[in-house]
C-alpha atoms as a PDB file:
ATOM      1  CA  MET A   1       0.000   0.000   0.000  1.00  0.00           C
ATOM      2  CA  THR A   2       1.240   3.489  -0.808  1.00  0.00           C
ATOM      3  CA  ASN A   3       0.524   5.327   2.421  1.00  0.00           C
ATOM      4  CA  GLU A   4       0.108   4.706   6.124  1.00  0.00           C
ATOM      5  CA  LEU A   5      -3.435   3.976   7.246  1.00  0.00           C
ATOM      6  CA  SER A   6      -5.225   3.798  10.567  1.00  0.00           C
ATOM      7  CA  THR A   7      -5.518   0.054  10.257  1.00  0.00           C
ATOM      8  CA  GLN A   8      -4.438  -1.306  13.587  1.00  0.00           C
ATOM      9  CA  GLU A   9      -3.959  -0.421  17.196  1.00  0.00           C
ATOM     10  CA  ASP A  10      -0.641  -0.049  18.976  1.00  0.00           C
ATOM     11  CA  GLN A  11       0.158  -3.526  20.313  1.00  0.00           C
ATOM     12  CA  SER A  12       2.722  -2.478  22.937  1.00  0.00           C
ATOM     13  CA  GLY A  13       1.932  -4.071  26.285  1.00  0.00           C
ATOM     14  CA  ALA A  14      -1.255  -5.544  24.836  1.00  0.00           C
ATOM     15  CA  ALA A  15      -1.410  -8.503  27.228  1.00  0.00           C
ATOM     16  CA  LYS A  16      -1.043  -6.304  30.302  1.00  0.00           C
ATOM     17  CA  ARG A  17      -3.557  -3.798  28.979  1.00  0.00           C
ATOM     18  CA  ARG A  18      -6.105  -6.534  28.340  1.00  0.00           C
ATOM     19  CA  ALA A  19      -5.486  -7.943  31.817  1.00  0.00           C
ATOM     20  CA  LYS A  20      -6.360  -4.525  33.271  1.00  0.00           C
ATOM     21  CA  GLY A  21      -9.665  -4.452  31.415  1.00  0.00           C
ATOM     22  CA  GLU A  22      -8.817  -2.588  28.227  1.00  0.00           C
ATOM     23  CA  PHE A  23     -10.069  -3.777  24.846  1.00  0.00           C
ATOM     24  CA  VAL A  24      -7.056  -4.056  22.493  1.00  0.00           C
ATOM     25  CA  ARG A  25      -7.806  -4.919  18.878  1.00  0.00           C
ATOM     26  CA  GLY A  26      -5.504  -7.479  17.237  1.00  0.00           C
ATOM     27  CA  VAL A  27      -3.492  -7.200  14.024  1.00  0.00           C
ATOM     28  CA  SER A  28      -4.565  -8.468  10.599  1.00  0.00           C
ATOM     29  CA  GLY A  29      -2.045 -10.912   9.147  1.00  0.00           C
ATOM     30  CA  PHE A  30      -2.769 -10.965   5.383  1.00  0.00           C
ATOM     31  CA  ARG A  31      -1.590  -7.756   3.716  1.00  0.00           C
ATOM     32  CA  HIS A  32      -1.252  -8.500   0.001  1.00  0.00           C
ATOM     33  CA  ALA A  33      -2.917  -6.154  -2.485  1.00  0.00           C
ATOM     34  CA  ILE A  34      -4.861  -6.300  -5.706  1.00  0.00           C
ATOM     35  CA  GLY A  35      -2.335  -4.955  -8.169  1.00  0.00           C
ATOM     36  CA  ASP A  36       0.524  -7.069  -6.833  1.00  0.00           C
ATOM     37  CA  PRO A  37       1.955  -9.304  -9.612  1.00  0.00           C
ATOM     38  CA  GLU A  38       0.221 -12.401  -8.244  1.00  0.00           C
ATOM     39  CA  PHE A  39      -3.140 -10.622  -7.761  1.00  0.00           C
ATOM     40  CA  PRO A  40      -4.034  -8.764 -10.989  1.00  0.00           C
ATOM     41  CA  PRO A  41      -7.193  -6.607 -11.063  1.00  0.00           C
ATOM     42  CA  GLU A  42      -9.697  -8.638 -13.085  1.00  0.00           C
ATOM     43  CA  PRO A  43     -13.505  -8.721 -13.048  1.00  0.00           C
ATOM     44  CA  GLY A  44     -14.955 -11.848 -11.449  1.00  0.00           C
ATOM     45  CA  ARG A  45     -11.684 -12.948  -9.856  1.00  0.00           C
ATOM     46  CA  TYR A  46     -12.220 -11.770  -6.277  1.00  0.00           C
ATOM     47  CA  HIS A  47     -14.580 -12.719  -3.491  1.00  0.00           C
ATOM     48  CA  LEU A  48     -15.472 -11.274  -0.097  1.00  0.00           C
ATOM     49  CA  PHE A  49     -16.312 -13.109   3.104  1.00  0.00           C
ATOM     50  CA  VAL A  50     -18.177 -10.777   5.468  1.00  0.00           C
ATOM     51  CA  SER A  51     -20.640 -10.439   8.299  1.00  0.00           C
ATOM     52  CA  LEU A  52     -23.245  -7.683   7.957  1.00  0.00           C
ATOM     53  CA  ASN A  53     -23.066  -7.202  11.718  1.00  0.00           C
ATOM     54  CA  CYS A  54     -19.377  -6.256  11.677  1.00  0.00           C
ATOM     55  CA  PRO A  55     -18.565  -2.540  11.145  1.00  0.00           C
ATOM     56  CA  TRP A  56     -15.160  -3.405   9.622  1.00  0.00           C
ATOM     57  CA  CYS A  57     -16.935  -5.591   7.062  1.00  0.00           C
ATOM     58  CA  HIS A  58     -19.409  -2.765   6.558  1.00  0.00           C
ATOM     59  CA  ARG A  59     -16.576  -0.559   5.259  1.00  0.00           C
ATOM     60  CA  VAL A  60     -15.876  -3.128   2.575  1.00  0.00           C
ATOM     61  CA  THR A  61     -19.485  -3.823   1.613  1.00  0.00           C
ATOM     62  CA  LEU A  62     -20.031  -0.068   1.314  1.00  0.00           C
ATOM     63  CA  ALA A  63     -17.055   0.280  -1.025  1.00  0.00           C
ATOM     64  CA  ARG A  64     -18.291  -2.650  -3.095  1.00  0.00           C
ATOM     65  CA  SER A  65     -21.723  -1.014  -3.395  1.00  0.00           C
ATOM     66  CA  VAL A  66     -20.856   2.623  -4.060  1.00  0.00           C
ATOM     67  CA  LEU A  67     -18.204   1.627  -6.612  1.00  0.00           C
ATOM     68  CA  GLY A  68     -20.684  -0.604  -8.451  1.00  0.00           C
ATOM     69  CA  LEU A  69     -18.747  -3.822  -7.884  1.00  0.00           C
ATOM     70  CA  GLN A  70     -21.650  -6.025  -6.787  1.00  0.00           C
ATOM     71  CA  ASN A  71     -21.683  -7.996 -10.035  1.00  0.00           C
ATOM     72  CA  SER A  72     -17.919  -8.376 -10.376  1.00  0.00           C
ATOM     73  CA  ILE A  73     -16.907  -9.199  -6.781  1.00  0.00           C
ATOM     74  CA  SER A  74     -18.913 -12.064  -5.319  1.00  0.00           C
ATOM     75  CA  MET A  75     -19.666 -12.243  -1.592  1.00  0.00           C
ATOM     76  CA  ASP A  76     -20.637 -14.674   1.165  1.00  0.00           C
ATOM     77  CA  VAL A  77     -22.378 -13.505   4.341  1.00  0.00           C
ATOM     78  CA  ALA A  78     -21.896 -15.178   7.726  1.00  0.00           C
ATOM     79  CA  PHE A  79     -24.595 -15.481  10.363  1.00  0.00           C
ATOM     80  CA  PRO A  80     -24.317 -12.496  12.742  1.00  0.00           C
ATOM     81  CA  ASN A  81     -23.920 -14.620  15.880  1.00  0.00           C
ATOM     82  CA  ARG A  82     -20.779 -16.686  16.091  1.00  0.00           C
ATOM     83  CA  THR A  83     -20.727 -20.321  17.158  1.00  0.00           C
ATOM     84  CA  GLY A  84     -21.575 -21.271  20.727  1.00  0.00           C
ATOM     85  CA  GLU A  85     -19.915 -23.441  23.352  1.00  0.00           C
ATOM     86  CA  ASP A  86     -21.647 -26.513  21.916  1.00  0.00           C
ATOM     87  CA  ASP A  87     -20.043 -26.204  18.488  1.00  0.00           C
ATOM     88  CA  PRO A  88     -17.810 -29.222  17.684  1.00  0.00           C
ATOM     89  CA  VAL A  89     -14.987 -26.940  16.462  1.00  0.00           C
ATOM     90  CA  GLY A  90     -15.335 -24.337  19.181  1.00  0.00           C
ATOM     91  CA  PRO A  91     -17.096 -21.135  20.244  1.00  0.00           C
ATOM     92  CA  ASN A  92     -16.858 -17.583  18.908  1.00  0.00           C
ATOM     93  CA  LEU A  93     -16.313 -18.517  15.237  1.00  0.00           C
ATOM     94  CA  TRP A  94     -17.899 -16.921  12.176  1.00  0.00           C
ATOM     95  CA  GLU A  95     -20.179 -19.468  10.490  1.00  0.00           C
ATOM     96  CA  PHE A  96     -21.644 -19.582   6.975  1.00  0.00           C
ATOM     97  CA  ASN A  97     -24.956 -21.238   7.686  1.00  0.00           C
ATOM     98  CA  PRO A  98     -28.197 -19.752   6.321  1.00  0.00           C
ATOM     99  CA  ASP A  99     -30.195 -22.400   8.197  1.00  0.00           C
ATOM    100  CA  ARG A 100     -29.479 -20.771  11.566  1.00  0.00           C
ATOM    101  CA  VAL A 101     -32.455 -19.070  13.186  1.00  0.00           C
ATOM    102  CA  ALA A 102     -32.225 -15.530  14.546  1.00  0.00           C
ATOM    103  CA  THR A 103     -33.761 -14.998  17.976  1.00  0.00           C
ATOM    104  CA  LEU A 104     -34.886 -11.513  16.889  1.00  0.00           C
ATOM    105  CA  THR A 105     -37.016 -12.753  13.991  1.00  0.00           C
ATOM    106  CA  GLY A 106     -37.617 -16.409  14.853  1.00  0.00           C
ATOM    107  CA  GLN A 107     -36.460 -17.426  11.398  1.00  0.00           C
ATOM    108  CA  GLY A 108     -33.422 -17.498   9.142  1.00  0.00           C
ATOM    109  CA  LEU A 109     -31.873 -14.332   7.768  1.00  0.00           C
ATOM    110  CA  PRO A 110     -32.223 -14.159   3.978  1.00  0.00           C
ATOM    111  CA  GLU A 111     -28.893 -12.360   3.448  1.00  0.00           C
ATOM    112  CA  CYS A 112     -26.888 -15.231   4.968  1.00  0.00           C
ATOM    113  CA  THR A 113     -25.207 -17.669   2.576  1.00  0.00           C
ATOM    114  CA  TRP A 114     -23.279 -20.885   2.413  1.00  0.00           C
ATOM    115  CA  GLU A 115     -19.566 -20.508   1.683  1.00  0.00           C
ATOM    116  CA  THR A 116     -19.027 -20.398  -2.085  1.00  0.00           C
ATOM    117  CA  GLY A 117     -15.712 -18.611  -2.569  1.00  0.00           C
ATOM    118  CA  THR A 118     -13.350 -21.562  -2.117  1.00  0.00           C
ATOM    119  CA  GLY A 119     -15.573 -24.065  -3.921  1.00  0.00           C
ATOM    120  CA  GLU A 120     -15.386 -26.354  -0.883  1.00  0.00           C
ATOM    121  CA  CYS A 121     -18.484 -25.145   1.028  1.00  0.00           C
ATOM    122  CA  LEU A 122     -16.493 -24.595   4.204  1.00  0.00           C
ATOM    123  CA  ARG A 123     -18.595 -23.906   7.268  1.00  0.00           C
ATOM    124  CA  LEU A 124     -16.307 -21.556   9.182  1.00  0.00           C
ATOM    125  CA  ALA A 125     -14.177 -18.548   8.303  1.00  0.00           C
ATOM    126  CA  LYS A 126     -11.518 -20.192  10.469  1.00  0.00           C
ATOM    127  CA  GLN A 127     -11.300 -23.040   7.952  1.00  0.00           C
ATOM    128  CA  ILE A 128     -10.539 -20.609   5.127  1.00  0.00           C
ATOM    129  CA  TYR A 129      -7.506 -19.441   7.093  1.00  0.00           C
ATOM    130  CA  GLN A 130      -6.496 -22.984   8.037  1.00  0.00           C
ATOM    131  CA  ARG A 131      -6.071 -23.843   4.347  1.00  0.00           C
ATOM    132  CA  GLU A 132      -3.150 -21.395   4.394  1.00  0.00           C
ATOM    133  CA  GLY A 133      -1.728 -22.472   7.733  1.00  0.00           C
ATOM    134  CA  SER A 134      -3.093 -19.473   9.638  1.00  0.00           C
ATOM    135  CA  HIS A 135      -4.832 -19.440  13.020  1.00  0.00           C
ATOM    136  CA  GLU A 136      -6.760 -16.245  12.276  1.00  0.00           C
ATOM    137  CA  GLN A 137     -10.544 -16.290  12.140  1.00  0.00           C
ATOM    138  CA  SER A 138     -11.695 -12.729  11.439  1.00  0.00           C
ATOM    139  CA  VAL A 139     -13.761 -11.172   8.678  1.00  0.00           C
ATOM    140  CA  PRO A 140     -13.683  -9.439   6.244  1.00  0.00           C
ATOM    141  CA  ILE A 141     -11.566 -11.597   3.969  1.00  0.00           C
ATOM    142  CA  LEU A 142     -10.691 -10.637   0.399  1.00  0.00           C
ATOM    143  CA  TYR A 143     -10.119 -13.891  -1.490  1.00  0.00           C
ATOM    144  CA  ASP A 144      -8.696 -14.689  -4.930  1.00  0.00           C
ATOM    145  CA  LYS A 145     -10.842 -17.442  -6.453  1.00  0.00           C
ATOM    146  CA  VAL A 146      -8.346 -18.110  -9.265  1.00  0.00           C
ATOM    147  CA  ALA A 147      -5.269 -18.477  -7.071  1.00  0.00           C
ATOM    148  CA  GLY A 148      -7.235 -20.013  -4.186  1.00  0.00           C
ATOM    149  CA  ARG A 149      -5.570 -17.644  -1.724  1.00  0.00           C
ATOM    150  CA  ILE A 150      -6.438 -14.978   0.804  1.00  0.00           C
ATOM    151  CA  VAL A 151      -5.338 -11.591  -0.473  1.00  0.00           C
ATOM    152  CA  ASN A 152      -6.011  -9.339   2.507  1.00  0.00           C
ATOM    153  CA  ASN A 153      -8.023  -9.205   5.723  1.00  0.00           C
ATOM    154  CA  GLU A 154      -7.523  -5.563   6.719  1.00  0.00           C
ATOM    155  CA  SER A 155     -10.644  -3.573   5.905  1.00  0.00           C
ATOM    156  CA  ALA A 156      -8.942  -0.181   5.514  1.00  0.00           C
ATOM    157  CA  GLU A 157      -6.611  -1.609   2.885  1.00  0.00           C
ATOM    158  CA  ILE A 158      -9.310  -3.590   1.093  1.00  0.00           C
ATOM    159  CA  LEU A 159     -11.527  -0.568   0.564  1.00  0.00           C
ATOM    160  CA  ARG A 160      -8.609   1.428  -0.847  1.00  0.00           C
ATOM    161  CA  MET A 161      -7.627  -1.269  -3.313  1.00  0.00           C
ATOM    162  CA  LEU A 162     -11.244  -1.577  -4.456  1.00  0.00           C
ATOM    163  CA  ASP A 163     -11.306   2.176  -5.001  1.00  0.00           C
ATOM    164  CA  ARG A 164      -7.940   2.257  -6.778  1.00  0.00           C
ATOM    165  CA  HIS A 165      -8.794  -0.596  -9.164  1.00  0.00           C
ATOM    166  CA  ALA A 166     -12.569  -0.117  -9.451  1.00  0.00           C
ATOM    167  CA  ALA A 167     -12.592   0.290 -13.228  1.00  0.00           C
ATOM    168  CA  ALA A 168     -10.328  -2.702 -13.889  1.00  0.00           C
ATOM    169  CA  LEU A 169     -12.356  -4.822 -11.467  1.00  0.00           C
ATOM    170  CA  GLY A 170     -15.536  -4.087 -13.400  1.00  0.00           C
ATOM    171  CA  GLY A 171     -17.094  -1.338 -11.312  1.00  0.00           C
ATOM    172  CA  ASN A 172     -19.924   0.372 -13.170  1.00  0.00           C
ATOM    173  CA  GLN A 173     -19.714   3.573 -11.134  1.00  0.00           C
ATOM    174  CA  ALA A 174     -15.936   4.060 -11.119  1.00  0.00           C
ATOM    175  CA  GLU A 175     -16.036   7.251 -13.185  1.00  0.00           C
ATOM    176  CA  ARG A 176     -18.643   8.882 -10.947  1.00  0.00           C
ATOM    177  CA  THR A 177     -17.182   7.892  -7.590  1.00  0.00           C
ATOM    178  CA  LYS A 178     -13.643   8.351  -6.313  1.00  0.00           C
ATOM    179  CA  LEU A 179     -13.285   7.670  -2.623  1.00  0.00           C
ATOM    180  CA  LEU A 180      -9.770   9.044  -2.264  1.00  0.00           C
ATOM    181  CA  PRO A 181      -9.202  12.102  -4.472  1.00  0.00           C
ATOM    182  CA  GLU A 182      -5.483  12.884  -4.537  1.00  0.00           C
ATOM    183  CA  SER A 183      -6.074  16.601  -3.977  1.00  0.00           C
ATOM    184  CA  ILE A 184      -7.519  16.018  -0.469  1.00  0.00           C
ATOM    185  CA  GLU A 185      -5.841  12.740   0.480  1.00  0.00           C
ATOM    186  CA  ALA A 186      -3.999  14.324   3.425  1.00  0.00           C
ATOM    187  CA  GLU A 187      -7.248  15.812   4.755  1.00  0.00           C
ATOM    188  CA  ILE A 188      -8.984  12.442   4.467  1.00  0.00           C
ATOM    189  CA  ASP A 189      -6.127  10.660   6.220  1.00  0.00           C
ATOM    190  CA  ALA A 190      -6.269  13.135   9.117  1.00  0.00           C
ATOM    191  CA  LEU A 191     -10.024  12.658   9.506  1.00  0.00           C
ATOM    192  CA  ASN A 192      -9.642   8.887   9.255  1.00  0.00           C
ATOM    193  CA  GLU A 193      -7.081   8.897  12.058  1.00  0.00           C
ATOM    194  CA  ARG A 194      -9.274  10.856  14.429  1.00  0.00           C
ATOM    195  CA  VAL A 195     -12.434   8.942  13.565  1.00  0.00           C
ATOM    196  CA  TYR A 196     -10.746   5.548  13.836  1.00  0.00           C
ATOM    197  CA  VAL A 197      -9.239   6.196  17.263  1.00  0.00           C
ATOM    198  CA  ALA A 198     -12.173   7.947  18.915  1.00  0.00           C
ATOM    199  CA  ILE A 199     -15.238   6.674  17.013  1.00  0.00           C
ATOM    200  CA  ASN A 200     -14.707   3.391  15.114  1.00  0.00           C
ATOM    201  CA  ASN A 201     -12.406   1.702  17.614  1.00  0.00           C
ATOM    202  CA  GLY A 202     -13.469   4.022  20.428  1.00  0.00           C
ATOM    203  CA  ALA A 203     -16.941   2.468  20.495  1.00  0.00           C
ATOM    204  CA  TYR A 204     -15.351  -0.901  21.234  1.00  0.00           C
ATOM    205  CA  LYS A 205     -12.989   0.647  23.785  1.00  0.00           C
ATOM    206  CA  ALA A 206     -16.042   1.872  25.649  1.00  0.00           C
ATOM    207  CA  GLY A 207     -18.368  -1.072  25.179  1.00  0.00           C
ATOM    208  CA  PHE A 208     -15.949  -3.920  25.793  1.00  0.00           C
ATOM    209  CA  SER A 209     -13.913  -2.398  28.613  1.00  0.00           C
ATOM    210  CA  SER A 210     -14.103  -3.959  32.058  1.00  0.00           C
ATOM    211  CA  ASP A 211     -12.407  -0.978  33.709  1.00  0.00           C
ATOM    212  CA  GLN A 212     -14.432   2.121  34.614  1.00  0.00           C
ATOM    213  CA  ALA A 213     -11.599   4.578  33.965  1.00  0.00           C
ATOM    214  CA  VAL A 214     -10.782   3.078  30.535  1.00  0.00           C
ATOM    215  CA  TYR A 215     -14.466   3.172  29.640  1.00  0.00           C
ATOM    216  CA  ALA A 216     -14.818   6.787  30.771  1.00  0.00           C
ATOM    217  CA  LYS A 217     -11.806   7.884  28.722  1.00  0.00           C
ATOM    218  CA  ALA A 218     -13.186   6.218  25.585  1.00  0.00           C
ATOM    219  CA  TYR A 219     -16.682   7.595  26.268  1.00  0.00           C
ATOM    220  CA  ASP A 220     -15.390  11.153  26.599  1.00  0.00           C
ATOM    221  CA  ALA A 221     -13.271  10.903  23.429  1.00  0.00           C
ATOM    222  CA  TYR A 222     -16.210   9.496  21.470  1.00  0.00           C
ATOM    223  CA  PHE A 223     -18.569  12.349  22.327  1.00  0.00           C
ATOM    224  CA  GLU A 224     -15.880  15.002  22.005  1.00  0.00           C
ATOM    225  CA  THR A 225     -15.298  13.771  18.458  1.00  0.00           C
ATOM    226  CA  LEU A 226     -19.011  13.734  17.667  1.00  0.00           C
ATOM    227  CA  ALA A 227     -19.088  17.399  18.747  1.00  0.00           C
ATOM    228  CA  PHE A 228     -16.087  18.121  16.516  1.00  0.00           C
ATOM    229  CA  LEU A 229     -17.810  16.476  13.534  1.00  0.00           C
ATOM    230  CA  GLU A 230     -21.051  18.346  14.242  1.00  0.00           C
ATOM    231  CA  ASP A 231     -19.136  21.616  14.144  1.00  0.00           C
ATOM    232  CA  LEU A 232     -17.341  20.550  10.969  1.00  0.00           C
ATOM    233  CA  LEU A 233     -20.648  20.020   9.183  1.00  0.00           C
ATOM    234  CA  ALA A 234     -22.203  23.202  10.531  1.00  0.00           C
ATOM    235  CA  ASP A 235     -20.784  25.304   7.674  1.00  0.00           C
ATOM    236  CA  GLY A 236     -23.277  23.746   5.254  1.00  0.00           C
ATOM    237  CA  ARG A 237     -20.994  21.217   3.595  1.00  0.00           C
ATOM    238  CA  GLN A 238     -22.761  18.070   2.389  1.00  0.00           C
ATOM    239  CA  PHE A 239     -20.022  15.625   3.412  1.00  0.00           C
ATOM    240  CA  LEU A 240     -17.017  15.640   5.724  1.00  0.00           C
ATOM    241  CA  THR A 241     -14.576  17.101   3.203  1.00  0.00           C
ATOM    242  CA  GLY A 242     -16.982  19.168   1.130  1.00  0.00           C
ATOM    243  CA  ALA A 243     -19.497  18.533  -1.635  1.00  0.00           C
ATOM    244  CA  LYS A 244     -18.580  14.914  -2.437  1.00  0.00           C
ATOM    245  CA  PHE A 245     -18.786  11.623  -0.573  1.00  0.00           C
ATOM    246  CA  THR A 246     -15.281  10.268   0.143  1.00  0.00           C
ATOM    247  CA  GLU A 247     -13.518   7.563   2.104  1.00  0.00           C
ATOM    248  CA  ALA A 248     -13.763   9.737   5.240  1.00  0.00           C
ATOM    249  CA  ASP A 249     -17.571   9.552   5.081  1.00  0.00           C
ATOM    250  CA  LEU A 250     -17.485   5.858   4.287  1.00  0.00           C
ATOM    251  CA  ARG A 251     -15.353   5.051   7.339  1.00  0.00           C
ATOM    252  CA  LEU A 252     -17.474   7.111   9.732  1.00  0.00           C
ATOM    253  CA  PHE A 253     -20.820   5.802   8.512  1.00  0.00           C
ATOM    254  CA  PRO A 254     -20.746   2.208   9.898  1.00  0.00           C
ATOM    255  CA  THR A 255     -20.354   3.395  13.501  1.00  0.00           C
ATOM    256  CA  LEU A 256     -22.954   6.178  13.355  1.00  0.00           C
ATOM    257  CA  PHE A 257     -25.366   3.856  11.499  1.00  0.00           C
ATOM    258  CA  ARG A 258     -25.209   1.607  14.577  1.00  0.00           C
ATOM    259  CA  HIS A 259     -25.174   4.276  17.273  1.00  0.00           C
ATOM    260  CA  ASP A 260     -28.833   5.024  18.023  1.00  0.00           C
ATOM    261  CA  PRO A 261     -30.292   1.500  17.608  1.00  0.00           C
ATOM    262  CA  VAL A 262     -27.338  -0.517  18.983  1.00  0.00           C
ATOM    263  CA  TYR A 263     -24.320   1.282  20.452  1.00  0.00           C
ATOM    264  CA  TYR A 264     -26.339   3.670  22.637  1.00  0.00           C
ATOM    265  CA  VAL A 265     -27.221   0.653  24.779  1.00  0.00           C
ATOM    266  CA  ARG A 266     -24.756  -2.123  23.914  1.00  0.00           C
ATOM    267  CA  MET A 267     -21.589   0.007  23.975  1.00  0.00           C
ATOM    268  CA  LYS A 268     -22.800   2.146  26.909  1.00  0.00           C
ATOM    269  CA  LEU A 269     -22.579   5.252  24.699  1.00  0.00           C
ATOM    270  CA  ASN A 270     -25.756   6.778  26.087  1.00  0.00           C
ATOM    271  CA  GLY A 271     -24.564  10.386  26.256  1.00  0.00           C
ATOM    272  CA  ALA A 272     -26.668  11.338  23.231  1.00  0.00           C
ATOM    273  CA  ARG A 273     -28.204   9.974  20.059  1.00  0.00           C
ATOM    274  CA  ILE A 274     -26.996  10.947  16.618  1.00  0.00           C
ATOM    275  CA  LEU A 275     -30.515  12.341  16.253  1.00  0.00           C
ATOM    276  CA  ASP A 276     -29.511  14.919  18.886  1.00  0.00           C
ATOM    277  CA  TYR A 277     -26.839  16.322  16.527  1.00  0.00           C
ATOM    278  CA  PRO A 278     -28.775  18.035  13.699  1.00  0.00           C
ATOM    279  CA  HIS A 279     -25.897  18.333  11.226  1.00  0.00           C
ATOM    280  CA  LEU A 280     -24.623  14.814  11.852  1.00  0.00           C
ATOM    281  CA  TRP A 281     -28.146  13.395  11.595  1.00  0.00           C
ATOM    282  CA  ARG A 282     -28.749  15.048   8.238  1.00  0.00           C
ATOM    283  CA  TRP A 283     -25.316  13.836   7.098  1.00  0.00           C
ATOM    284  CA  LEU A 284     -26.215  10.292   8.183  1.00  0.00           C
ATOM    285  CA  CYS A 285     -29.482  10.432   6.246  1.00  0.00           C
ATOM    286  CA  ARG A 286     -27.679  11.901   3.231  1.00  0.00           C
ATOM    287  CA  VAL A 287     -25.178   9.029   3.131  1.00  0.00           C
ATOM    288  CA  TYR A 288     -27.930   6.453   3.692  1.00  0.00           C
ATOM    289  CA  ALA A 289     -29.703   7.819   0.599  1.00  0.00           C
ATOM    290  CA  ILE A 290     -26.705   7.198  -1.692  1.00  0.00           C
ATOM    291  CA  GLU A 291     -27.391   4.397  -4.168  1.00  0.00           C
ATOM    292  CA  GLY A 292     -26.261   1.046  -2.757  1.00  0.00           C
ATOM    293  CA  VAL A 293     -25.643   2.198   0.823  1.00  0.00           C
ATOM    294  CA  ALA A 294     -28.862   0.893   2.396  1.00  0.00           C
ATOM    295  CA  GLU A 295     -28.234  -2.574   0.923  1.00  0.00           C
ATOM    296  CA  ALA A 296     -24.645  -2.766   2.199  1.00  0.00           C
ATOM    297  CA  SER A 297     -25.618  -3.699   5.766  1.00  0.00           C
ATOM    298  CA  SER A 298     -28.606  -4.685   7.909  1.00  0.00           C
ATOM    299  CA  LEU A 299     -29.719  -3.445  11.311  1.00  0.00           C
ATOM    300  CA  VAL A 300     -31.429  -6.797  11.864  1.00  0.00           C
ATOM    301  CA  HIS A 301     -28.005  -8.425  11.564  1.00  0.00           C
ATOM    302  CA  CYS A 302     -26.471  -5.718  13.773  1.00  0.00           C
ATOM    303  CA  ARG A 303     -29.068  -6.098  16.539  1.00  0.00           C
ATOM    304  CA  GLN A 304     -28.891  -9.873  16.360  1.00  0.00           C
ATOM    305  CA  GLY A 305     -25.098  -9.913  16.331  1.00  0.00           C
ATOM    306  CA  TYR A 306     -24.436  -7.506  19.178  1.00  0.00           C
ATOM    307  CA  PHE A 307     -27.257  -8.470  21.547  1.00  0.00           C
ATOM    308  CA  GLY A 308     -27.775 -12.094  20.486  1.00  0.00           C
ATOM    309  CA  ARG A 309     -24.374 -13.033  21.897  1.00  0.00           C
ATOM    310  CA  SER A 310     -25.011 -11.301  25.241  1.00  0.00           C
ATOM    311  CA  TRP A 311     -25.472 -13.327  28.410  1.00  0.00           C
ATOM    312  CA  ASN A 312     -29.149 -14.135  27.791  1.00  0.00           C
ATOM    313  CA  GLY A 313     -29.346 -13.707  24.013  1.00  0.00           C
ATOM    314  CA  VAL A 314     -32.352 -11.368  24.183  1.00  0.00           C
ATOM    315  CA  VAL A 315     -32.390  -8.670  21.501  1.00  0.00           C
ATOM    316  CA  PRO A 316     -34.019  -5.273  22.268  1.00  0.00           C
ATOM    317  CA  LEU A 317     -36.887  -4.394  19.933  1.00  0.00           C
ATOM    318  CA  GLY A 318     -36.477  -0.602  19.938  1.00  0.00           C
ATOM    319  CA  PRO A 319     -35.968   2.197  19.536  1.00  0.00           C
ATOM    320  CA  LEU A 320     -39.448   3.033  18.250  1.00  0.00           C
ATOM    321  CA  LYS A 321     -39.433   6.804  18.868  1.00  0.00           C
ATOM    322  CA  PRO A 322     -39.561   8.997  16.877  1.00  0.00           C
ATOM    323  CA  MET A 323     -39.863   5.978  14.561  1.00  0.00           C
ATOM    324  CA  SER A 324     -38.180   2.631  13.996  1.00  0.00           C
ATOM    325  CA  TYR A 325     -34.731   2.273  12.493  1.00  0.00           C
ATOM    326  CA  PRO A 326     -33.509   2.202   9.718  1.00  0.00           C
ATOM    327  CA  GLU A 327     -36.718   3.893   8.514  1.00  0.00           C
ATOM    328  CA  ALA A 328     -35.696   6.946  10.536  1.00  0.00           C
ATOM    329  CA  TYR A 329     -32.702   7.421   8.233  1.00  0.00           C
ATOM    330  CA  LEU A 330     -35.127   8.326   5.461  1.00  0.00           C
ATOM    331  CA  HIS A 331     -36.213  11.383   7.452  1.00  0.00           C
ATOM    332  CA  PRO A 332     -33.521  14.040   7.834  1.00  0.00           C
ATOM    333  CA  GLU A 333     -36.178  16.430   9.136  1.00  0.00           C
ATOM    334  CA  LEU A 334     -36.457  14.470  12.409  1.00  0.00           C
ATOM    335  CA  SER A 335     -33.472  16.366  13.784  1.00  0.00           C
ATOM    336  CA  ASP A 336     -35.433  19.623  13.502  1.00  0.00           C
ATOM    337  CA  GLN A 337     -38.392  18.484  15.626  1.00  0.00           C
ATOM    338  CA  GLY A 338     -36.811  18.612  19.067  1.00  0.00           C
ATOM    339  CA  THR A 339     -37.401  14.894  19.582  1.00  0.00           C
END
């Protein structure tokens, strides 16, 4: 990759930090790129393994959608809850099994698929890694169906290579959409850094911490950054860097999409709703209205994935006021009603 990205957390003293109650995200191990000699950009060659619950996967599914790559990059979707203690291979593993029943709906989730990328109908993402001698088990995975190899499993890098090679990969919107314009690349990188630390990863720092002080620090940084973004948008700009949707918007969207209906409760980020920030709310609705964005994730999967793996597996049904989500994202005017 050509420039440094906010792709991973500092791993220094990770074991001790985890022991003290801090959530420390691990490091992705596959860092090849489309465009390397062994991975040429070709339509129909690449495949994605994702979960629609996962915000890191959401980055990639968004890029696939807004760049018009749905027909040229195939995709398998895991069930939002990972395996349980009774699984013969083990717990906490991403599973491709459309026959699983969601507690929220009492039925299967139509977006879920069997595994088709390897041609072996593997059940677990872990097994895709095991074919290459790796012990990793995360999603997203960018996979080369011709070479039968994992290309990359770092979402920030995957979305940039999809953007860089969109036309060669068969994207039908490549001329209209450029996620990383060279003229504002430095501005986008600076926004990405702040958003990653305080918002994207910060939500997990707050929600998965078992230490009150670590939680409070992450909570404060999260809402301070929401206030910064609200002020940024207050000058009338449509998107974070101006008139056009860019990678900065794409990377912020998955977290704010989840905030009101999921993170407000699950990640203990109950200081405010996005609906309470008028400029951010209208921005969120504006991004949601972009062609392909609404189809790139699912709040049913998000609710099921975050709450369905809690201690009792019960998934909250709300919020219902001022209306249900994601329908609320079709109504930018809600932020003007003092709800």
